[in-house]
Protein backbone atom coordinates (compact mmCIF):
# COMPACT_ATOMS: atom_id res chain seq x y z
CA MET A 1 -25.31 24.57 -10.61
CA ILE A 2 -24.60 24.58 -6.86
CA THR A 3 -26.49 21.84 -5.01
CA LEU A 4 -27.44 21.71 -1.33
CA GLU A 5 -24.82 19.00 -0.71
CA MET A 6 -22.10 21.33 -1.97
CA MET A 7 -22.93 24.22 0.39
CA PRO A 8 -21.34 22.97 3.67
CA PRO A 9 -17.86 22.27 2.19
CA LEU A 10 -18.08 25.54 0.23
CA MET A 11 -18.79 27.44 3.45
CA PHE A 12 -15.75 25.89 5.15
CA GLY A 13 -13.57 26.65 2.15
CA GLY A 14 -14.79 30.25 1.99
CA LEU A 15 -14.10 30.72 5.69
CA ILE A 16 -10.54 29.38 5.38
CA ILE A 17 -9.78 31.59 2.35
CA ALA A 18 -11.14 34.71 4.08
CA MET A 19 -9.07 34.00 7.22
CA LEU A 20 -5.89 33.41 5.17
CA ILE A 21 -6.40 36.82 3.54
CA GLY A 22 -6.10 38.28 7.03
CA TYR A 23 -9.51 39.71 7.88
CA PRO A 24 -10.49 39.74 11.60
CA VAL A 25 -12.14 36.47 12.55
CA ALA A 26 -15.35 37.95 14.01
CA PHE A 27 -16.15 39.95 10.88
CA THR A 28 -15.04 37.10 8.61
CA LEU A 29 -17.48 34.71 10.28
CA ALA A 30 -20.38 37.13 9.95
CA ALA A 31 -19.53 38.04 6.33
CA VAL A 32 -19.16 34.43 5.17
CA GLY A 33 -22.32 33.36 6.99
CA LEU A 34 -24.47 36.18 5.60
CA SER A 35 -23.02 35.85 2.09
CA PHE A 36 -23.86 32.16 1.92
CA GLY A 37 -27.20 32.92 3.56
CA PHE A 38 -28.22 35.26 0.75
CA LEU A 39 -26.83 32.80 -1.82
CA SER A 40 -28.99 30.05 -0.27
CA ILE A 41 -32.06 32.30 -0.49
CA TYR A 42 -31.28 32.98 -4.15
CA LEU A 43 -30.89 29.24 -4.85
CA GLY A 44 -34.08 28.43 -2.97
CA PHE A 45 -32.60 26.37 -0.11
CA PHE A 46 -34.54 28.48 2.42
CA ASP A 47 -36.38 31.79 2.42
CA LEU A 48 -35.60 35.16 3.96
CA ASN A 49 -37.62 34.38 7.09
CA PHE A 50 -35.03 31.75 8.06
CA LEU A 51 -32.42 34.47 8.69
CA GLN A 52 -34.64 35.90 11.43
CA ALA A 53 -33.13 33.19 13.60
CA ILE A 54 -29.82 35.09 13.63
CA PRO A 55 -30.96 38.18 15.61
CA GLY A 56 -33.15 35.90 17.70
CA ARG A 57 -30.16 33.81 18.77
CA ILE A 58 -27.87 36.83 19.21
CA PHE A 59 -30.26 38.61 21.58
CA GLY A 60 -31.73 35.47 23.11
CA SER A 61 -28.66 33.25 23.57
CA VAL A 62 -25.56 35.43 23.35
CA LEU A 63 -26.19 38.88 24.77
CA SER A 64 -28.56 37.58 27.46
CA ASN A 65 -26.35 34.66 28.49
CA GLU A 66 -25.68 35.14 32.21
CA LEU A 67 -22.88 32.56 32.19
CA LEU A 68 -20.79 34.75 29.87
CA LEU A 69 -20.92 37.52 32.50
CA ALA A 70 -18.28 35.48 34.35
CA ILE A 71 -15.73 36.24 31.59
CA PRO A 72 -15.22 39.97 32.39
CA PHE A 73 -14.98 39.21 36.13
CA PHE A 74 -12.32 36.52 35.71
CA THR A 75 -10.50 38.64 33.11
CA PHE A 76 -10.37 41.58 35.53
CA MET A 77 -9.16 39.31 38.34
CA GLY A 78 -6.33 38.01 36.17
CA ALA A 79 -5.40 41.50 34.93
CA ILE A 80 -4.99 42.72 38.52
CA LEU A 81 -3.11 39.73 39.91
CA GLU A 82 -0.67 39.44 37.03
CA ARG A 83 0.86 42.87 37.81
CA CYS A 84 0.49 43.21 41.57
CA GLY A 85 3.83 41.64 42.57
CA LEU A 86 2.44 38.31 43.75
CA ALA A 87 4.30 36.37 41.04
CA GLU A 88 7.62 37.98 41.94
CA ASP A 89 7.28 37.08 45.63
CA MET A 90 6.27 33.48 44.96
CA LEU A 91 8.96 32.87 42.33
CA ASP A 92 11.67 34.29 44.58
CA SER A 93 10.62 32.27 47.65
CA MET A 94 9.96 29.04 45.70
CA GLY A 95 13.26 29.41 43.86
CA GLN A 96 15.14 29.59 47.14
CA LEU A 97 13.10 26.75 48.63
CA PHE A 98 13.80 24.33 45.76
CA GLY A 99 17.16 25.85 44.81
CA PRO A 100 19.36 23.26 46.61
CA ILE A 101 18.17 20.44 44.33
CA ARG A 102 18.84 19.89 40.62
CA GLY A 103 16.13 21.52 38.54
CA GLY A 104 14.94 23.46 41.58
CA LEU A 105 14.31 26.66 39.67
CA GLY A 106 12.38 24.64 37.07
CA TYR A 107 10.20 23.10 39.80
CA SER A 108 9.53 26.56 41.23
CA VAL A 109 8.44 27.88 37.82
CA ILE A 110 6.10 24.90 37.32
CA ILE A 111 4.53 25.19 40.79
CA VAL A 112 4.14 28.97 40.62
CA GLY A 113 2.69 28.61 37.12
CA PHE A 114 0.10 26.21 38.53
CA ILE A 115 -0.80 28.55 41.42
CA LEU A 116 -0.97 31.63 39.20
CA GLY A 117 -3.04 29.67 36.70
CA ALA A 118 -5.57 28.96 39.44
CA ILE A 119 -5.96 32.65 40.31
CA THR A 120 -5.37 34.56 37.07
CA GLY A 121 -6.61 32.53 34.10
CA THR A 122 -4.58 34.44 31.47
CA VAL A 123 -1.57 33.15 29.52
CA ALA A 124 0.05 36.33 28.17
CA ALA A 125 0.84 38.08 31.43
CA GLN A 126 1.77 34.85 33.17
CA VAL A 127 4.42 33.99 30.56
CA ILE A 128 5.73 37.57 30.50
CA ALA A 129 5.84 37.95 34.30
CA MET A 130 7.58 34.63 34.92
CA ALA A 131 10.04 35.20 32.06
CA LEU A 132 11.02 38.67 33.29
CA ILE A 133 11.59 37.37 36.80
CA SER A 134 12.98 33.87 36.31
CA MET A 135 14.83 33.90 32.98
CA PRO A 136 17.77 36.12 34.11
CA VAL A 137 18.16 34.05 37.29
CA MET A 138 18.10 30.70 35.45
CA ILE A 139 20.59 31.96 32.85
CA ARG A 140 22.88 33.24 35.62
CA TYR A 141 23.03 29.82 37.30
CA GLY A 142 23.77 27.91 34.11
CA TYR A 143 20.45 26.37 33.11
CA ASN A 144 20.19 25.13 29.53
CA ILE A 145 18.64 27.93 27.47
CA ARG A 146 16.21 25.63 25.63
CA TYR A 147 15.00 24.18 28.91
CA ILE A 148 14.51 27.72 30.24
CA THR A 149 12.40 28.87 27.30
CA GLY A 150 10.41 25.63 27.21
CA VAL A 151 9.53 25.49 30.90
CA LEU A 152 8.57 29.18 31.01
CA ALA A 153 6.29 28.93 27.96
CA ALA A 154 4.72 25.62 29.03
CA SER A 155 4.13 26.73 32.63
CA GLY A 156 2.35 29.80 31.31
CA THR A 157 -0.05 27.67 29.28
CA ILE A 158 -1.05 25.67 32.37
CA THR A 159 -3.52 28.46 33.09
CA GLN A 160 -5.60 27.31 30.09
CA LEU A 161 -6.51 24.08 31.90
CA VAL A 162 -6.41 24.94 35.60
CA PRO A 163 -9.74 26.28 36.93
CA PRO A 164 -10.97 29.06 36.80
CA SER A 165 -9.73 29.07 33.20
CA LEU A 166 -11.65 31.25 30.74
CA VAL A 167 -11.34 28.40 28.24
CA LEU A 168 -13.35 26.10 30.51
CA ILE A 169 -16.07 28.72 30.95
CA VAL A 170 -16.40 29.12 27.17
CA LEU A 171 -16.35 25.34 26.64
CA ALA A 172 -19.04 24.84 29.29
CA ASP A 173 -21.22 27.44 27.60
CA GLN A 174 -20.77 26.01 24.11
CA LEU A 175 -21.31 22.42 25.28
CA GLY A 176 -24.32 23.27 27.43
CA LYS A 177 -22.74 21.90 30.62
CA SER A 178 -22.27 23.48 34.04
CA VAL A 179 -19.04 25.35 34.74
CA GLY A 180 -18.69 23.54 38.08
CA ASP A 181 -18.69 20.13 36.39
CA MET A 182 -16.20 21.34 33.79
CA TYR A 183 -13.91 22.57 36.57
CA LEU A 184 -14.20 19.28 38.45
CA GLY A 185 -13.33 17.39 35.29
CA ALA A 186 -10.28 19.56 34.64
CA TRP A 187 -8.61 19.07 38.04
CA GLY A 188 -7.35 15.55 37.30
CA PRO A 189 -5.60 16.45 34.01
CA SER A 190 -4.25 19.65 35.62
CA VAL A 191 -2.51 17.74 38.39
CA PHE A 192 -1.27 15.00 36.03
CA GLN A 193 0.15 17.63 33.70
CA ILE A 194 2.09 19.24 36.54
CA LEU A 195 3.45 15.79 37.44
CA LEU A 196 4.49 15.22 33.80
CA PHE A 197 6.33 18.56 33.70
CA ALA A 198 8.02 17.88 37.04
CA GLY A 199 8.89 14.32 35.95
CA TYR A 200 10.57 15.62 32.80
CA THR A 201 12.62 18.05 34.90
CA PHE A 202 13.53 15.21 37.30
CA LEU A 203 14.74 13.00 34.44
CA LEU A 204 16.83 15.87 33.05
CA GLY A 205 18.43 16.22 36.49
CA ILE A 206 19.43 12.53 36.35
CA PHE A 207 20.54 12.15 32.72
CA LYS A 208 21.66 15.71 31.92
CA PRO A 209 22.49 17.35 35.26
CA SER A 210 24.38 20.18 33.56
CA HIS A 211 21.11 21.38 32.01
CA VAL A 212 19.39 21.94 35.38
CA PRO A 213 22.06 22.61 38.06
CA ALA A 214 21.37 23.38 41.71
CA VAL A 215 21.63 26.97 42.94
CA PRO A 216 24.92 27.62 44.84
CA ILE A 217 24.69 27.96 48.61
CA GLU A 218 26.02 31.52 48.58
CA ALA A 219 23.12 32.62 46.33
CA ARG A 220 20.45 31.63 48.87
CA THR A 221 19.63 34.74 50.87
CA LEU A 222 16.83 33.23 52.96
CA THR A 223 16.85 30.12 55.12
CA GLY A 224 14.81 28.57 57.89
CA TRP A 225 11.64 30.24 59.13
CA ALA A 226 12.25 33.44 57.13
CA LEU A 227 12.13 31.44 53.91
CA TRP A 228 9.04 29.46 54.91
CA LYS A 229 7.33 32.65 56.07
CA LYS A 230 7.83 34.27 52.66
CA CYS A 231 6.52 31.14 50.90
CA LEU A 232 3.43 31.02 53.11
CA LEU A 233 2.72 34.73 52.67
CA GLY A 234 2.47 34.07 48.94
CA ILE A 235 0.64 30.74 49.05
CA ILE A 236 -1.94 31.26 51.83
CA PRO A 237 -3.64 34.40 50.39
CA SER A 238 -3.65 32.73 46.97
CA ALA A 239 -5.20 29.58 48.45
CA VAL A 240 -7.89 31.66 50.17
CA LEU A 241 -8.73 33.41 46.90
CA ILE A 242 -8.83 30.05 45.07
CA PHE A 243 -11.28 28.75 47.68
CA VAL A 244 -13.43 31.89 47.52
CA VAL A 245 -13.69 31.56 43.73
CA LEU A 246 -13.69 27.80 43.12
CA GLY A 247 -14.77 26.41 46.49
CA THR A 248 -17.97 28.42 46.71
CA MET A 249 -18.84 27.53 43.12
CA MET A 250 -18.23 23.79 43.49
CA MET A 251 -20.13 23.64 46.79
CA GLY A 252 -23.11 25.30 45.13
CA LEU A 253 -22.88 28.45 47.26
CA ALA A 254 -22.30 30.76 44.28
CA THR A 255 -22.91 30.83 40.56
CA PRO A 256 -19.90 31.29 38.22
CA THR A 257 -20.79 34.97 37.82
CA GLU A 258 -21.03 35.51 41.59
CA ALA A 259 -17.78 33.62 42.15
CA GLY A 260 -16.09 35.75 39.48
CA ALA A 261 -17.34 38.93 41.16
CA MET A 262 -15.92 37.79 44.50
CA GLY A 263 -12.66 36.92 42.74
CA ALA A 264 -12.45 40.39 41.21
CA VAL A 265 -12.87 42.03 44.63
CA GLY A 266 -10.47 39.50 46.17
CA ALA A 267 -7.85 40.38 43.54
CA ILE A 268 -7.99 44.04 44.57
CA VAL A 269 -7.62 43.03 48.22
CA LEU A 270 -4.68 40.73 47.41
CA ALA A 271 -2.98 43.47 45.37
CA ALA A 272 -3.43 45.95 48.22
CA ILE A 273 -1.97 43.75 50.96
CA HIS A 274 1.04 42.96 48.75
CA HIS A 275 1.81 46.62 48.06
CA LYS A 276 4.60 48.28 50.01
CA ASP A 277 2.43 51.33 50.78
CA PHE A 278 -0.35 49.33 52.44
CA SER A 279 -0.88 51.06 55.81
CA ALA A 280 -0.51 49.62 59.29
CA ALA A 281 -4.16 50.45 59.96
CA GLY A 282 -5.10 48.51 56.87
CA ARG A 283 -3.18 45.47 58.14
CA LYS A 284 -5.04 45.64 61.46
CA VAL A 285 -8.36 45.86 59.60
CA LEU A 286 -7.28 42.87 57.50
CA ILE A 287 -6.56 40.79 60.62
CA VAL A 288 -9.91 41.74 62.18
CA GLY A 289 -11.73 40.88 58.94
CA VAL A 290 -10.01 37.48 58.69
CA ILE A 291 -10.84 36.63 62.32
CA ALA A 292 -14.47 37.70 61.85
CA GLY A 293 -14.74 35.66 58.66
CA GLY A 294 -13.33 32.62 60.45
CA ILE A 295 -15.82 32.99 63.30
CA GLY A 296 -18.71 33.37 60.87
CA THR A 297 -17.62 30.28 58.94
CA ILE A 298 -17.37 28.16 62.11
CA ILE A 299 -20.80 29.28 63.27
CA ALA A 300 -22.27 28.47 59.85
CA MET A 301 -20.76 24.98 60.00
CA LEU A 302 -21.89 24.18 63.55
CA TYR A 303 -25.12 26.11 63.98
CA THR A 304 -27.84 27.74 61.95
CA GLU A 305 -27.44 31.32 60.85
CA ASN A 306 -27.94 33.71 63.74
CA LEU A 307 -27.14 37.27 64.78
CA ILE A 308 -23.47 36.50 65.56
CA PHE A 309 -23.04 34.96 62.10
CA LYS A 310 -24.47 38.07 60.45
CA LEU A 311 -22.36 40.44 62.58
CA ALA A 312 -19.17 38.46 61.86
CA PHE A 313 -19.60 38.63 58.10
CA ALA A 314 -20.72 42.26 58.28
CA ILE A 315 -17.34 43.01 59.88
CA THR A 316 -15.60 41.01 57.14
CA TYR A 317 -17.43 42.95 54.42
CA LEU A 318 -16.54 46.27 56.05
CA ALA A 319 -12.87 45.18 56.20
CA VAL A 320 -12.97 44.35 52.47
CA VAL A 321 -14.49 47.77 51.70
CA TRP A 322 -11.80 49.47 53.81
CA ILE A 323 -8.98 47.66 51.98
CA CYS A 324 -10.51 48.41 48.55
CA ILE A 325 -10.69 52.13 49.47
CA GLU A 326 -7.03 52.00 50.52
CA ALA A 327 -6.19 50.36 47.19
CA VAL A 328 -7.82 53.22 45.30
CA LYS A 329 -5.87 55.76 47.37
CA ILE A 330 -2.50 54.21 46.37
CA PRO A 331 -1.53 55.74 42.96
CA ASP A 332 0.14 52.56 41.65
CA LEU A 333 -2.88 50.41 42.45
CA ARG A 334 -5.28 53.02 41.08
CA ASP A 335 -3.43 52.87 37.75
CA LEU A 336 -3.40 49.06 37.97
CA ILE A 337 -7.18 48.94 38.44
CA LYS A 338 -7.62 51.27 35.45
CA GLN A 339 -5.43 48.99 33.30
CA GLY A 340 -7.47 46.03 34.49
CA TYR A 341 -10.68 47.72 33.32
CA GLU A 342 -9.17 48.45 29.91
CA THR A 343 -7.92 44.88 29.45
CA THR A 344 -11.30 43.50 30.51
CA MET A 345 -13.12 45.76 28.05
CA ARG A 346 -10.94 44.68 25.12
CA ILE A 347 -11.20 40.94 25.80
CA THR A 348 -14.94 41.05 26.52
CA CYS A 349 -15.64 42.98 23.31
CA MET A 350 -13.52 40.52 21.32
CA VAL A 351 -15.40 37.53 22.74
CA THR A 352 -18.80 39.15 22.10
CA PHE A 353 -18.03 40.00 18.48
CA ILE A 354 -16.66 36.50 17.80
CA LEU A 355 -19.83 35.05 19.31
CA ILE A 356 -22.03 37.24 17.10
CA GLY A 357 -20.03 36.30 14.00
CA SER A 358 -20.07 32.59 14.83
CA THR A 359 -23.84 32.77 15.35
CA CYS A 360 -24.28 34.16 11.83
CA PHE A 361 -22.09 31.39 10.41
CA SER A 362 -23.56 28.49 12.39
CA VAL A 363 -27.22 29.39 11.70
CA VAL A 364 -26.65 29.43 7.94
CA PHE A 365 -24.44 26.32 8.12
CA LEU A 366 -27.19 24.37 9.88
CA GLY A 367 -29.73 25.81 7.43
CA VAL A 368 -27.93 24.20 4.48
CA SER A 369 -27.86 20.80 6.29
CA GLY A 370 -24.27 21.28 7.44
CA GLY A 371 -24.95 19.39 10.67
CA THR A 372 -26.12 16.31 8.78
CA TRP A 373 -23.16 16.53 6.40
CA LEU A 374 -20.70 16.79 9.31
CA GLU A 375 -22.32 13.97 11.28
CA HIS A 376 -22.22 11.65 8.26
CA HIS A 377 -18.48 12.19 7.77
CA LEU A 378 -17.50 11.99 11.46
CA THR A 379 -19.58 8.94 12.38
CA SER A 380 -18.35 6.97 9.35
CA LEU A 381 -14.68 7.22 10.40
CA PRO A 382 -12.87 3.89 10.84
CA GLY A 383 -12.16 2.84 14.42
CA GLY A 384 -15.49 3.83 15.95
CA VAL A 385 -15.22 5.96 19.11
CA TRP A 386 -11.43 5.92 19.19
CA GLY A 387 -11.14 6.76 15.51
CA PHE A 388 -13.49 9.70 16.09
CA LEU A 389 -11.44 10.96 19.06
CA ILE A 390 -8.10 10.60 17.27
CA PHE A 391 -9.37 12.40 14.17
CA ILE A 392 -10.97 15.25 16.14
CA ASN A 393 -7.87 15.78 18.27
CA LEU A 394 -5.58 15.82 15.23
CA PHE A 395 -7.99 18.21 13.50
CA ILE A 396 -8.06 20.57 16.52
CA PHE A 397 -4.27 20.30 16.88
CA PHE A 398 -3.69 21.50 13.32
CA LEU A 399 -6.42 24.16 13.54
CA ALA A 400 -4.60 25.52 16.58
CA PHE A 401 -1.65 26.37 14.33
CA PHE A 402 -3.76 29.18 12.88
CA LEU A 403 -6.74 29.85 15.17
CA ASP A 404 -7.07 31.06 18.74
CA PHE A 405 -8.95 28.90 21.25
CA PHE A 406 -11.90 31.34 21.29
CA GLU A 407 -12.26 30.94 17.54
CA ILE A 408 -12.05 27.15 17.72
CA ALA A 409 -14.58 27.03 20.57
CA PHE A 410 -17.12 29.29 18.88
CA ILE A 411 -16.78 28.00 15.30
CA ILE A 412 -16.04 24.28 15.52
CA LEU A 413 -17.41 23.17 18.88
CA PRO A 414 -21.12 23.90 18.34
CA MET A 415 -21.00 21.80 15.17
CA ILE A 416 -19.30 18.73 16.61
CA ALA A 417 -20.79 18.77 20.15
CA PRO A 418 -24.04 16.91 19.23
CA ILE A 419 -22.01 14.28 17.35
CA ALA A 420 -19.61 13.88 20.30
CA GLN A 421 -22.54 13.43 22.69
CA LYS A 422 -23.96 10.66 20.48
CA VAL A 423 -20.63 8.88 19.91
CA LEU A 424 -19.13 9.14 23.42
CA ALA A 425 -22.22 8.50 25.56
CA PRO A 426 -21.84 4.66 25.39
CA VAL A 427 -18.29 4.96 26.80
CA VAL A 428 -18.72 7.24 29.85
CA GLY A 429 -22.47 7.82 29.99
CA PRO A 430 -24.56 10.67 28.60
CA ASP A 431 -23.95 13.01 31.55
CA ALA A 432 -20.13 12.84 31.46
CA ALA A 433 -19.64 12.53 27.69
CA LEU A 434 -19.37 16.24 26.88
CA ILE A 435 -17.37 16.99 30.04
CA TRP A 436 -14.79 14.39 29.00
CA PHE A 437 -14.80 15.73 25.45
CA GLY A 438 -14.49 19.38 26.54
CA VAL A 439 -11.59 18.81 28.94
CA MET A 440 -9.85 16.69 26.30
CA LEU A 441 -10.08 19.54 23.79
CA CYS A 442 -8.91 22.01 26.45
CA VAL A 443 -5.74 19.97 27.00
CA ASN A 444 -5.29 19.80 23.23
CA MET A 445 -5.80 23.53 22.69
CA GLN A 446 -3.01 24.31 25.16
CA THR A 447 -0.61 23.39 22.39
CA SER A 448 -1.92 26.32 20.32
CA PHE A 449 0.19 28.59 22.53
CA LEU A 450 3.36 26.56 22.05
CA HIS A 451 3.69 25.29 18.51
CA PRO A 452 4.90 27.36 15.57
CA PRO A 453 4.14 29.39 13.53
CA PHE A 454 1.62 31.22 15.74
CA GLY A 455 2.38 29.99 19.26
CA PHE A 456 1.47 33.10 21.22
CA ALA A 457 3.40 32.02 24.33
CA LEU A 458 6.51 31.89 22.15
CA PHE A 459 5.78 35.40 20.84
CA TYR A 460 5.38 36.70 24.39
CA LEU A 461 8.64 35.02 25.38
CA ARG A 462 10.47 36.46 22.37
CA GLY A 463 9.26 39.93 23.32
CA VAL A 464 10.83 39.88 26.80
CA ALA A 465 13.81 37.54 26.33
CA PRO A 466 17.34 39.04 26.19
CA LYS A 467 18.87 39.51 22.75
CA GLU A 468 21.35 36.67 23.33
CA VAL A 469 18.43 34.20 23.44
CA LYS A 470 17.89 33.08 19.85
CA SER A 471 14.44 32.57 18.36
CA SER A 472 15.51 29.06 17.36
CA ASP A 473 16.17 28.29 21.05
CA ILE A 474 12.64 29.42 21.91
CA TYR A 475 11.04 27.28 19.19
CA TRP A 476 13.18 24.18 19.79
CA GLY A 477 12.82 24.58 23.55
CA ALA A 478 9.03 24.26 23.25
CA MET A 479 9.12 20.93 21.39
CA PRO A 480 9.56 18.55 24.39
CA TRP A 481 6.75 20.31 26.22
CA ILE A 482 4.41 20.00 23.25
CA GLY A 483 5.21 16.27 23.39
CA LEU A 484 4.31 16.19 27.10
CA GLN A 485 0.98 17.88 26.38
CA ALA A 486 0.34 15.36 23.57
CA ILE A 487 1.00 12.56 26.08
CA MET A 488 -1.56 14.20 28.39
CA VAL A 489 -4.13 14.19 25.58
CA ALA A 490 -3.46 10.48 25.01
CA LEU A 491 -3.88 9.77 28.74
CA VAL A 492 -7.22 11.60 28.84
CA ILE A 493 -8.42 9.61 25.81
CA ALA A 494 -7.20 6.26 27.15
CA PHE A 495 -8.30 6.80 30.76
CA PRO A 496 -11.56 8.79 30.92
CA VAL A 497 -11.62 8.35 34.72
CA VAL A 498 -8.93 11.06 34.91
CA VAL A 499 -11.74 13.47 34.00
CA THR A 500 -14.86 11.71 35.21
CA GLY A 501 -13.50 10.50 38.55
CA LEU A 502 -14.54 13.64 40.46
CA LEU A 503 -17.92 14.05 38.77
CA ASP A 504 -21.13 13.05 40.51
CA LYS A 505 -22.12 9.51 39.62
CA PRO A 506 -25.36 9.32 37.60
CA LEU A 507 -28.28 7.82 39.47
CA ASP A 508 -28.93 4.23 38.33
CA VAL A 509 -32.71 4.13 38.38
CA ASP A 510 -34.91 1.65 36.52
CA LEU A 511 -37.87 3.74 35.45
CA ASN A 512 -39.98 0.61 34.93
CA LYS A 513 -39.76 -0.15 38.65
CA VAL A 514 -40.58 3.33 39.90
CA LYS A 515 -43.83 3.38 41.88
CA ILE A 516 -45.63 6.46 43.08
CA GLU A 517 -47.89 5.75 46.03
CA VAL A 518 -50.59 8.29 46.74
CA PRO A 519 -52.14 8.03 50.21
CA GLN A 520 -55.87 7.44 50.23
CA ILE A 521 -57.90 10.26 51.68
CA GLU A 522 -61.29 9.47 53.11
CA LEU A 523 -63.78 12.06 51.89
CA PRO A 524 -67.20 12.66 53.50
CA PRO A 525 -70.12 11.13 51.60
CA LEU A 526 -71.61 13.32 48.94
CA ASP A 527 -75.00 14.81 49.73
CA PHE A 528 -77.22 14.92 46.63
CA GLY A 529 -80.29 16.12 48.51
CA GLN A 530 -82.14 19.36 48.10
CA PRO A 531 -80.13 22.46 48.89
CA LYS A 532 -80.84 23.94 52.25
CA GLN A 533 -82.84 27.16 52.30
């Protein structure tokens, strides 16, 4: 006879078996959840009315969740920017800028990966674009093939952690925290990870200089102001777009959905101004729009909103509309926008179906006391807080061998988030506990793209690498970078301030000493006499 205590582990086992068979995750989650739901009704653990919570949560929490509207906007932004030529320009200029030093091409890949991660948010295209552009150049100048494959794959996964990462949006939603706080918490680990990657390249240049040689002088086609101009033309528009998306969100001027919408429009503008067929009239309109936007921003900072402020931004908006119309008129960009819509539709549908399936699974799991069962096992681990963190990170690390980050976030996170809040609150406070936990898992889940057997970044790299690059070189090349990401996880665990340092400090208020003073109001004396006729 199946008892209530046996149901949670049976549900996990059934889910693992169904996934190993090869069924799509979204449908597997729903099928396992509903199957165990009907079994629980048959065994008397709950009645049929309990399952009414499933459609209630799907329509009330999933399909009506405004935060998830940010996902299609950021997906579209990434789909446009990954193919518009921005990566090629930045990699070429950065490669020539850092080329004279050992590991210069590696530094350029790391820096461009960081910048692209901050404006695209997608791993696949970033790995493919950088590999197509940089791999032939690095091979030509004698870079070690395992270093080449490792740095390209690892730099592509940076986008998982750097805001406005889709992973952070999903984590914020599942943990019930604001996207802005999750982004603020992720900046510290993002920068430290870049420093780790650059430090590894620097050490290779010292101890194994033949692995990362400098680019010969005769191969540098740009020098002086021409080189700096090309670098700035790639960096400045990207920086403006990063500010429009992230700056407005973190300053409270826009919600994540509004920031994503501005990013989607900004991506079209950026693609248009980088295209060779962008007209001279369009460039003049761009300059006028930038000047008007600058004037409007200065007025907003120094004075209250007035007519000049409104006129300035009206001109900026008209310039954006003009450039978007020009983008649609250019055949290449029109096809690019269409591809962006198709990519956005596929990813958004995938996320929605996984969310629906995970809702079916989690409702039934909680109905058979799965939350209590999980909390008992996780809170009784040896080592207290640190034992809990080590176990969870090892568990997520091994799950990432087989599951995508969306699947981990939607299946596992809702179950362990309440336990993490309870366990971690004494260390960093209740407000920052889940932010610290979410960013930690985000750093951890980066490795899912690098380690075998299902490291998707390695698959992408294998698909575009020349035939002379062996698969063994790709897999072995990723190993040092997985180690660097593991070091980053350890740093986030050991030093929570890396995540919490930029967060708003909680107000230290003693509620017992709070006094509310109500001013006394003198009322006219009451007249209880006879009413006047």
